[in-house]
Amino acid sequence: MNELELQERILKGEGLHTEFKVSFTNNEEFAKSITSFANTDGGEILVGINNNGEIVGVENIDELLRKIDDVAYNRCEPPVTIVQETLSIENKIILIVKIPKGDQRPYRTSSGVYYIRSANRTRQASREELLRLFQAAGSLYFDENEIQRASTKDINMDYAKKFLENYFKLSVNDESLIRYLINIKALSNNEKPTFTGILFFGENPQYYIPYGRIITAYIKGDDISIPPSDRKDHQGKIPEILEDTMRFFKAYIKEKHTIRDLESENYPEIEDFVLREALVNSIAHRDYTINAPVRILIYDNRIEFHTPGLLPNTVTIESMKIGGAHVLRNPTIYNLLGKIGLVTDVGSGIKRIIESVKKTVGRDVSLNVVGNEFILTIPRIEG
């Protein structure tokens, strides 16, 4: 960072990625700041700047460097890798502490508290935020959690029995059904329905998980401000939702009809497997700690899949593009989708979508993380 960049950062004030500190206060306060950035999106602590953005500088810089390095290594669990640099401005020394987004989240202070960065402040993580951090780290799977208010009466046992017989090839009777549902983690050991159990086998899944649904909309044009010409709220069990959503696609995806050898052949503008893959991914990999449905917006020039949740710790957009990312956020849901034959368990789905769309549409798929959503945009053939 040079002097001009520092001045610009100071003018912008404190924010999600920036914190001002006049000096080193104590180990816990600095560990709190470091872990909050590591748990969120990374950032920088500017030491020698007061809350009003005035440059006051620091003294005993060598001692300060050692203190902060000690906090990052010994007062943060696990240790956080930081980079420190100094900058002289107005004859005063400023220390810039750079904290990357951690790849071993969640981090906590040595006192056992987890912090996150929110807007321009550091605060303790809420229960839901902490669940997301552990889930992103792969140390907790939310889809295996019990739904405390539910019981086996909320499970459609006949449907579950047929599912196990059809897809697991099991001979199921009333006595063995509960045991099998526990084995596939649709029920907990306490015989309580899990998130997966309710979503796949629930009598009324949305009663307990109202956001466990998909909203689709057709917008005639290319702007979200245009009222939808058609909109549907897809509810029910996961297999039912998937089938219902695919039917919605059929109404708005164009097909080219060609006569060949006296037979009519249909060529959809976007292959069915592309839509199915994107749809299943939105169910399998969404973050179920976020109280929001999956949204699919069909425009005249594109289709957008809005999936709640950020990417897991080790997953990047680039790794997804080359088929090198296969981190399961919801392994129990994924396993059941695999039994139906809707996932391949090799992590190549996005890569195959990209290749197919490039071939049929001639344009590139777009992958973005915006806010708390992952957005997959599939271009359409215009005209």
Protein backbone atom coordinates (compact mmCIF):
# COMPACT_ATOMS: atom_id res chain seq x y z
CA MET A 1 0.00 0.00 0.00
CA ASN A 2 1.39 3.43 -0.93
CA GLU A 3 0.62 6.83 0.56
CA LEU A 4 -2.14 7.65 -1.95
CA GLU A 5 -3.87 4.30 -1.40
CA LEU A 6 -3.70 4.84 2.36
CA GLN A 7 -5.23 8.30 2.09
CA GLU A 8 -8.05 6.93 -0.07
CA ARG A 9 -8.69 4.13 2.42
CA ILE A 10 -8.82 6.61 5.30
CA LEU A 11 -11.28 8.81 3.39
CA LYS A 12 -13.61 5.84 2.87
CA GLY A 13 -13.61 5.20 6.61
CA GLU A 14 -14.05 1.96 8.47
CA GLY A 15 -16.01 -0.76 6.70
CA LEU A 16 -16.32 -4.48 6.14
CA HIS A 17 -12.64 -4.77 5.16
CA THR A 18 -11.09 -1.92 7.16
CA GLU A 19 -10.64 -1.11 10.85
CA PHE A 20 -8.79 1.79 12.46
CA LYS A 21 -6.86 1.43 15.72
CA VAL A 22 -4.97 4.16 17.53
CA SER A 23 -2.56 1.69 19.10
CA PHE A 24 -2.19 -1.81 20.48
CA THR A 25 -4.59 -2.10 23.42
CA ASN A 26 -4.51 -5.69 24.67
CA ASN A 27 -4.18 -9.21 23.33
CA GLU A 28 -7.90 -10.06 23.46
CA GLU A 29 -9.01 -6.94 21.60
CA PHE A 30 -6.52 -7.50 18.81
CA ALA A 31 -7.34 -11.22 18.60
CA LYS A 32 -10.99 -10.24 18.34
CA SER A 33 -10.26 -8.01 15.34
CA ILE A 34 -7.98 -10.53 13.60
CA THR A 35 -10.39 -13.47 13.95
CA SER A 36 -13.37 -11.38 12.83
CA PHE A 37 -11.67 -10.56 9.50
CA ALA A 38 -10.44 -14.15 9.06
CA ASN A 39 -13.97 -15.46 9.69
CA THR A 40 -15.59 -13.06 7.24
CA ASP A 41 -13.91 -11.84 4.05
CA GLY A 42 -10.46 -10.75 5.13
CA GLY A 43 -9.37 -7.17 5.61
CA GLU A 44 -6.83 -4.76 7.04
CA ILE A 45 -6.27 -3.16 10.43
CA LEU A 46 -4.66 0.27 10.18
CA VAL A 47 -2.80 0.96 13.41
CA GLY A 48 -2.00 4.60 14.09
CA ILE A 49 -5.33 5.98 12.83
CA ASN A 50 -8.02 7.16 15.23
CA ASN A 51 -11.78 6.69 14.78
CA ASN A 52 -12.07 10.06 13.05
CA GLY A 53 -9.54 9.04 10.41
CA GLU A 54 -6.78 11.25 11.83
CA ILE A 55 -3.21 10.01 11.44
CA VAL A 56 -1.58 9.76 14.88
CA GLY A 57 1.13 7.21 14.12
CA VAL A 58 2.65 4.54 16.32
CA GLU A 59 5.81 4.25 18.40
CA ASN A 60 8.12 1.33 19.17
CA ILE A 61 7.26 -0.25 15.83
CA ASP A 62 9.52 -3.31 16.27
CA GLU A 63 7.90 -4.18 19.59
CA LEU A 64 4.44 -3.64 18.10
CA LEU A 65 5.19 -5.97 15.17
CA ARG A 66 6.24 -8.70 17.59
CA LYS A 67 3.16 -8.24 19.78
CA ILE A 68 0.72 -8.49 16.90
CA ASP A 69 2.51 -11.48 15.40
CA ASP A 70 2.29 -13.17 18.81
CA VAL A 71 -1.46 -12.48 19.00
CA ALA A 72 -2.09 -13.91 15.52
CA TYR A 73 -0.11 -17.06 16.29
CA ASN A 74 -0.81 -17.69 19.99
CA ARG A 75 -4.09 -15.90 20.76
CA CYS A 76 -6.11 -17.05 17.75
CA GLU A 77 -7.33 -20.63 17.36
CA PRO A 78 -6.29 -21.92 14.89
CA PRO A 79 -3.40 -19.48 14.30
CA VAL A 80 -4.04 -16.84 11.63
CA THR A 81 -1.42 -16.03 9.02
CA ILE A 82 -1.05 -12.26 8.72
CA VAL A 83 1.18 -9.89 6.75
CA GLN A 84 2.40 -6.66 8.33
CA GLU A 85 3.84 -3.65 6.58
CA THR A 86 4.73 -0.13 7.65
CA LEU A 87 4.22 3.16 5.87
CA SER A 88 5.60 6.58 6.73
CA ILE A 89 3.19 9.45 6.15
CA GLU A 90 3.33 13.00 7.52
CA ASN A 91 6.46 11.94 9.43
CA LYS A 92 4.41 9.34 11.28
CA ILE A 93 4.57 5.56 11.02
CA ILE A 94 1.41 3.63 10.21
CA LEU A 95 1.23 -0.15 10.64
CA ILE A 96 -0.94 -2.06 8.18
CA VAL A 97 -1.99 -5.54 9.34
CA LYS A 98 -3.35 -7.61 6.44
CA ILE A 99 -5.60 -10.54 7.36
CA PRO A 100 -6.72 -12.91 4.57
CA LYS A 101 -10.04 -14.69 4.55
CA GLY A 102 -9.18 -17.81 6.52
CA ASP A 103 -9.14 -21.24 4.90
CA GLN A 104 -9.45 -22.93 8.33
CA ARG A 105 -12.58 -21.15 9.50
CA PRO A 106 -14.06 -20.76 12.02
CA TYR A 107 -11.45 -18.97 14.12
CA ARG A 108 -11.89 -17.98 17.74
CA THR A 109 -9.93 -16.04 20.31
CA SER A 110 -8.04 -17.87 23.03
CA SER A 111 -10.95 -17.05 25.34
CA GLY A 112 -13.17 -19.23 23.15
CA VAL A 113 -15.29 -16.53 21.47
CA TYR A 114 -16.07 -16.41 17.73
CA TYR A 115 -16.28 -13.01 16.06
CA ILE A 116 -17.26 -11.80 12.61
CA ARG A 117 -17.02 -8.51 10.74
CA SER A 118 -20.38 -6.85 10.08
CA ALA A 119 -20.50 -3.55 8.16
CA ASN A 120 -17.98 -1.33 9.98
CA ARG A 121 -17.83 -3.19 13.28
CA THR A 122 -16.70 -6.40 14.89
CA ARG A 123 -19.25 -8.43 16.81
CA GLN A 124 -19.76 -11.87 18.26
CA ALA A 125 -21.16 -14.39 15.78
CA SER A 126 -24.80 -15.37 16.25
CA ARG A 127 -25.83 -19.01 16.52
CA GLU A 128 -26.89 -19.09 12.85
CA GLU A 129 -23.68 -17.41 11.69
CA LEU A 130 -21.61 -19.82 13.74
CA LEU A 131 -23.46 -22.76 12.21
CA ARG A 132 -22.60 -21.40 8.75
CA LEU A 133 -18.94 -21.08 9.67
CA PHE A 134 -18.74 -24.66 10.94
CA GLN A 135 -20.73 -25.86 7.96
CA ALA A 136 -18.39 -24.10 5.55
CA ALA A 137 -15.46 -25.78 7.29
CA GLY A 138 -17.03 -29.21 6.82
CA SER A 139 -17.09 -29.87 10.58
CA LEU A 140 -20.88 -29.68 10.85
CA TYR A 141 -23.56 -30.76 8.42
CA PHE A 142 -26.74 -28.83 8.92
CA ASP A 143 -28.83 -31.32 6.94
CA GLU A 144 -28.24 -33.91 9.68
CA ASN A 145 -29.66 -31.69 12.45
CA GLU A 146 -32.79 -32.76 14.28
CA ILE A 147 -35.98 -30.73 13.93
CA GLN A 148 -36.96 -30.64 17.57
CA ARG A 149 -40.66 -29.89 17.10
CA ALA A 150 -41.16 -32.70 14.61
CA SER A 151 -41.78 -36.39 15.22
CA THR A 152 -42.11 -39.56 13.16
CA LYS A 153 -45.78 -38.62 12.67
CA ASP A 154 -44.52 -35.87 10.34
CA ILE A 155 -42.88 -38.44 8.06
CA ASN A 156 -44.88 -40.05 5.25
CA MET A 157 -43.90 -43.61 6.10
CA ASP A 158 -45.47 -45.16 3.01
CA TYR A 159 -43.54 -42.78 0.77
CA ALA A 160 -40.31 -43.44 2.70
CA LYS A 161 -40.84 -47.20 2.44
CA LYS A 162 -41.31 -47.06 -1.35
CA PHE A 163 -38.27 -44.79 -1.69
CA LEU A 164 -36.06 -47.26 0.18
CA GLU A 165 -37.40 -50.18 -1.83
CA ASN A 166 -37.04 -48.42 -5.20
CA TYR A 167 -33.69 -46.68 -4.78
CA PHE A 168 -31.86 -48.66 -2.05
CA LYS A 169 -33.26 -52.02 -3.23
CA LEU A 170 -34.20 -52.91 0.35
CA SER A 171 -36.97 -55.18 1.53
CA VAL A 172 -38.64 -52.96 4.11
CA ASN A 173 -41.27 -53.84 6.70
CA ASP A 174 -42.74 -51.70 9.46
CA GLU A 175 -40.21 -52.94 12.01
CA SER A 176 -37.13 -52.22 9.89
CA LEU A 177 -38.30 -48.90 8.45
CA ILE A 178 -37.27 -46.76 11.43
CA ARG A 179 -33.86 -48.44 11.55
CA TYR A 180 -33.26 -47.79 7.87
CA LEU A 181 -34.33 -44.16 8.16
CA ILE A 182 -31.85 -43.72 11.02
CA ASN A 183 -29.11 -45.34 8.91
CA ILE A 184 -29.62 -42.87 6.04
CA LYS A 185 -29.85 -39.99 8.56
CA ALA A 186 -33.43 -39.11 7.73
CA LEU A 187 -34.06 -39.72 11.44
CA SER A 188 -31.65 -39.05 14.29
CA ASN A 189 -30.70 -41.71 16.82
CA ASN A 190 -33.46 -40.22 18.98
CA GLU A 191 -35.94 -41.00 16.17
CA LYS A 192 -36.42 -37.30 15.47
CA PRO A 193 -36.75 -36.22 11.83
CA THR A 194 -33.69 -34.45 10.49
CA PHE A 195 -33.71 -31.62 7.94
CA THR A 196 -33.07 -34.23 5.26
CA GLY A 197 -35.85 -36.46 6.55
CA ILE A 198 -38.43 -33.69 6.45
CA LEU A 199 -37.29 -32.38 3.04
CA PHE A 200 -37.41 -35.83 1.40
CA PHE A 201 -40.14 -37.65 3.31
CA GLY A 202 -42.14 -35.05 5.23
CA GLU A 203 -45.94 -34.96 5.09
CA ASN A 204 -45.66 -31.17 4.76
CA PRO A 205 -41.98 -30.17 4.52
CA GLN A 206 -42.63 -26.42 4.27
CA TYR A 207 -44.47 -26.40 7.61
CA TYR A 208 -41.14 -26.92 9.37
CA ILE A 209 -38.83 -25.54 6.66
CA PRO A 210 -40.82 -22.78 4.91
CA TYR A 211 -37.80 -21.69 2.86
CA GLY A 212 -37.16 -25.25 1.62
CA ARG A 213 -38.79 -24.49 -1.71
CA ILE A 214 -38.07 -23.03 -5.14
CA ILE A 215 -39.62 -19.91 -6.62
CA THR A 216 -39.59 -19.64 -10.41
CA ALA A 217 -40.59 -16.64 -12.49
CA TYR A 218 -40.75 -15.86 -16.19
CA ILE A 219 -39.96 -12.21 -16.95
CA LYS A 220 -40.71 -11.08 -20.49
CA GLY A 221 -37.69 -8.90 -21.10
CA ASP A 222 -34.29 -8.69 -19.46
CA ASP A 223 -34.84 -6.51 -16.37
CA ILE A 224 -35.80 -7.59 -12.84
CA SER A 225 -37.98 -4.48 -12.52
CA ILE A 226 -40.43 -5.92 -15.08
CA PRO A 227 -43.32 -7.73 -13.32
CA PRO A 228 -43.23 -11.51 -13.97
CA SER A 229 -45.60 -12.82 -16.61
CA ASP A 230 -45.69 -16.12 -14.74
CA ARG A 231 -44.59 -17.12 -11.26
CA LYS A 232 -44.78 -20.34 -9.29
CA ASP A 233 -43.91 -21.39 -5.76
CA HIS A 234 -42.76 -25.04 -5.92
CA GLN A 235 -43.37 -26.86 -2.64
CA GLY A 236 -43.51 -30.42 -1.37
CA LYS A 237 -40.83 -33.07 -1.03
CA ILE A 238 -37.53 -32.53 -2.83
CA PRO A 239 -38.24 -35.04 -5.65
CA GLU A 240 -41.65 -33.41 -6.22
CA ILE A 241 -40.14 -29.92 -6.28
CA LEU A 242 -37.55 -30.99 -8.85
CA GLU A 243 -40.13 -32.54 -11.17
CA ASP A 244 -42.47 -29.55 -10.86
CA THR A 245 -39.68 -27.07 -11.61
CA MET A 246 -38.56 -29.00 -14.69
CA ARG A 247 -42.14 -28.78 -15.98
CA PHE A 248 -42.01 -24.99 -15.53
CA PHE A 249 -38.85 -24.85 -17.65
CA LYS A 250 -40.58 -26.73 -20.46
CA ALA A 251 -43.09 -23.90 -20.87
CA TYR A 252 -40.43 -21.26 -21.58
CA ILE A 253 -37.43 -23.04 -23.12
CA LYS A 254 -37.56 -22.83 -26.91
CA GLU A 255 -37.17 -25.90 -29.12
CA LYS A 256 -36.10 -26.13 -32.74
CA HIS A 257 -38.05 -28.69 -34.75
CA THR A 258 -36.28 -30.44 -37.63
CA ILE A 259 -37.55 -33.14 -40.00
CA ARG A 260 -34.97 -35.84 -40.59
CA ASP A 261 -35.69 -39.09 -42.42
CA LEU A 262 -39.39 -38.23 -42.25
CA GLU A 263 -39.14 -38.06 -38.45
CA SER A 264 -39.52 -34.91 -36.36
CA GLU A 265 -36.57 -34.17 -34.07
CA ASN A 266 -36.60 -31.58 -31.30
CA TYR A 267 -33.53 -29.59 -30.27
CA PRO A 268 -34.00 -27.47 -27.13
CA GLU A 269 -32.02 -24.23 -26.93
CA ILE A 270 -30.63 -25.45 -23.60
CA GLU A 271 -30.19 -29.16 -23.01
CA ASP A 272 -32.37 -30.75 -20.33
CA PHE A 273 -29.38 -32.05 -18.40
CA VAL A 274 -28.01 -28.49 -18.09
CA LEU A 275 -31.21 -27.22 -16.48
CA ARG A 276 -31.50 -30.33 -14.32
CA GLU A 277 -27.88 -30.10 -13.19
CA ALA A 278 -28.22 -26.43 -12.25
CA LEU A 279 -31.51 -27.13 -10.51
CA VAL A 280 -30.22 -30.09 -8.51
CA ASN A 281 -27.08 -28.16 -7.54
CA SER A 282 -29.26 -25.41 -6.09
CA ILE A 283 -30.99 -27.97 -3.85
CA ALA A 284 -27.93 -30.03 -2.98
CA HIS A 285 -25.44 -27.24 -2.25
CA ARG A 286 -27.55 -24.39 -0.90
CA ASP A 287 -27.02 -23.13 2.66
CA TYR A 288 -30.01 -24.27 4.71
CA THR A 289 -29.09 -21.99 7.61
CA ILE A 290 -30.24 -19.05 5.46
CA ASN A 291 -33.96 -18.41 5.63
CA ALA A 292 -34.54 -17.83 1.92
CA PRO A 293 -35.81 -19.97 -0.96
CA VAL A 294 -33.93 -20.81 -4.15
CA ARG A 295 -35.01 -18.39 -6.90
CA ILE A 296 -34.89 -19.13 -10.62
CA LEU A 297 -35.55 -16.20 -12.94
CA ILE A 298 -36.18 -16.89 -16.62
CA TYR A 299 -35.56 -13.84 -18.82
CA ASP A 300 -35.73 -13.62 -22.59
CA ASN A 301 -31.93 -13.53 -22.80
CA ARG A 302 -30.83 -15.57 -19.78
CA ILE A 303 -31.79 -17.85 -16.87
CA GLU A 304 -30.54 -17.00 -13.39
CA PHE A 305 -30.28 -19.58 -10.58
CA HIS A 306 -30.05 -17.76 -7.21
CA THR A 307 -28.83 -20.19 -4.55
CA PRO A 308 -28.65 -19.04 -0.89
CA GLY A 309 -25.18 -19.27 0.60
CA LEU A 310 -21.55 -18.41 -0.01
CA LEU A 311 -19.05 -20.91 -1.40
CA PRO A 312 -17.58 -23.40 1.13
CA ASN A 313 -14.08 -22.75 2.45
CA THR A 314 -11.93 -24.37 -0.23
CA VAL A 315 -14.23 -23.84 -3.21
CA THR A 316 -13.58 -21.05 -5.69
CA ILE A 317 -15.36 -20.08 -8.88
CA GLU A 318 -12.24 -20.96 -10.87
CA SER A 319 -12.03 -24.44 -9.34
CA MET A 320 -15.71 -25.00 -10.16
CA LYS A 321 -15.14 -24.07 -13.80
CA ILE A 322 -12.49 -26.76 -14.28
CA GLY A 323 -14.35 -29.44 -12.34
CA GLY A 324 -11.88 -29.32 -9.47
CA ALA A 325 -14.31 -28.53 -6.66
CA HIS A 326 -16.29 -31.18 -4.84
CA VAL A 327 -17.01 -30.07 -1.28
CA LEU A 328 -20.34 -31.27 0.10
CA ARG A 329 -22.28 -28.80 2.22
CA ASN A 330 -25.22 -31.20 2.63
CA PRO A 331 -23.86 -34.75 2.24
CA THR A 332 -27.04 -36.52 3.40
CA ILE A 333 -29.23 -34.66 0.90
CA TYR A 334 -26.55 -35.25 -1.75
CA ASN A 335 -26.48 -38.98 -0.99
CA LEU A 336 -30.24 -39.32 -1.49
CA LEU A 337 -30.11 -37.33 -4.72
CA GLY A 338 -27.37 -39.71 -5.80
CA LYS A 339 -29.62 -42.70 -5.14
CA ILE A 340 -32.24 -41.15 -7.42
CA GLY A 341 -29.53 -40.78 -10.05
CA LEU A 342 -29.46 -36.97 -10.14
CA VAL A 343 -25.84 -36.41 -9.06
CA THR A 344 -22.62 -38.04 -10.23
CA ASP A 345 -20.37 -37.54 -7.18
CA VAL A 346 -17.44 -36.35 -9.29
CA GLY A 347 -17.87 -32.56 -9.05
CA SER A 348 -17.99 -32.02 -12.81
CA GLY A 349 -21.49 -30.56 -13.06
CA ILE A 350 -20.58 -26.91 -13.56
CA LYS A 351 -17.87 -27.80 -16.07
CA ARG A 352 -20.36 -29.84 -18.13
CA ILE A 353 -22.89 -27.00 -17.97
CA ILE A 354 -20.29 -24.55 -19.27
CA GLU A 355 -19.25 -26.82 -22.13
CA SER A 356 -22.81 -27.63 -23.20
CA VAL A 357 -24.03 -24.01 -23.15
CA LYS A 358 -20.98 -22.84 -25.09
CA LYS A 359 -21.73 -25.46 -27.73
CA THR A 360 -25.48 -24.87 -28.07
CA VAL A 361 -25.80 -21.15 -27.31
CA GLY A 362 -22.32 -19.94 -28.28
CA ARG A 363 -21.93 -17.81 -25.16
CA ASP A 364 -20.35 -18.21 -21.73
CA VAL A 365 -22.06 -19.15 -18.48
CA SER A 366 -21.58 -16.63 -15.67
CA LEU A 367 -20.76 -17.59 -12.06
CA ASN A 368 -20.91 -14.95 -9.33
CA VAL A 369 -21.23 -14.56 -5.58
CA VAL A 370 -23.39 -11.54 -4.70
CA GLY A 371 -24.23 -10.86 -1.07
CA ASN A 372 -25.22 -14.20 0.45
CA GLU A 373 -26.12 -15.80 -2.88
CA PHE A 374 -24.34 -17.84 -5.49
CA ILE A 375 -25.73 -16.89 -8.92
CA LEU A 376 -25.40 -19.13 -11.97
CA THR A 377 -26.45 -17.33 -15.16
CA ILE A 378 -27.13 -19.36 -18.31
CA PRO A 379 -27.39 -17.27 -21.50
CA ARG A 380 -30.19 -17.95 -23.98
CA ILE A 381 -30.40 -17.72 -27.75
CA GLU A 382 -31.99 -14.35 -28.42
CA GLY A 383 -34.58 -13.74 -31.11
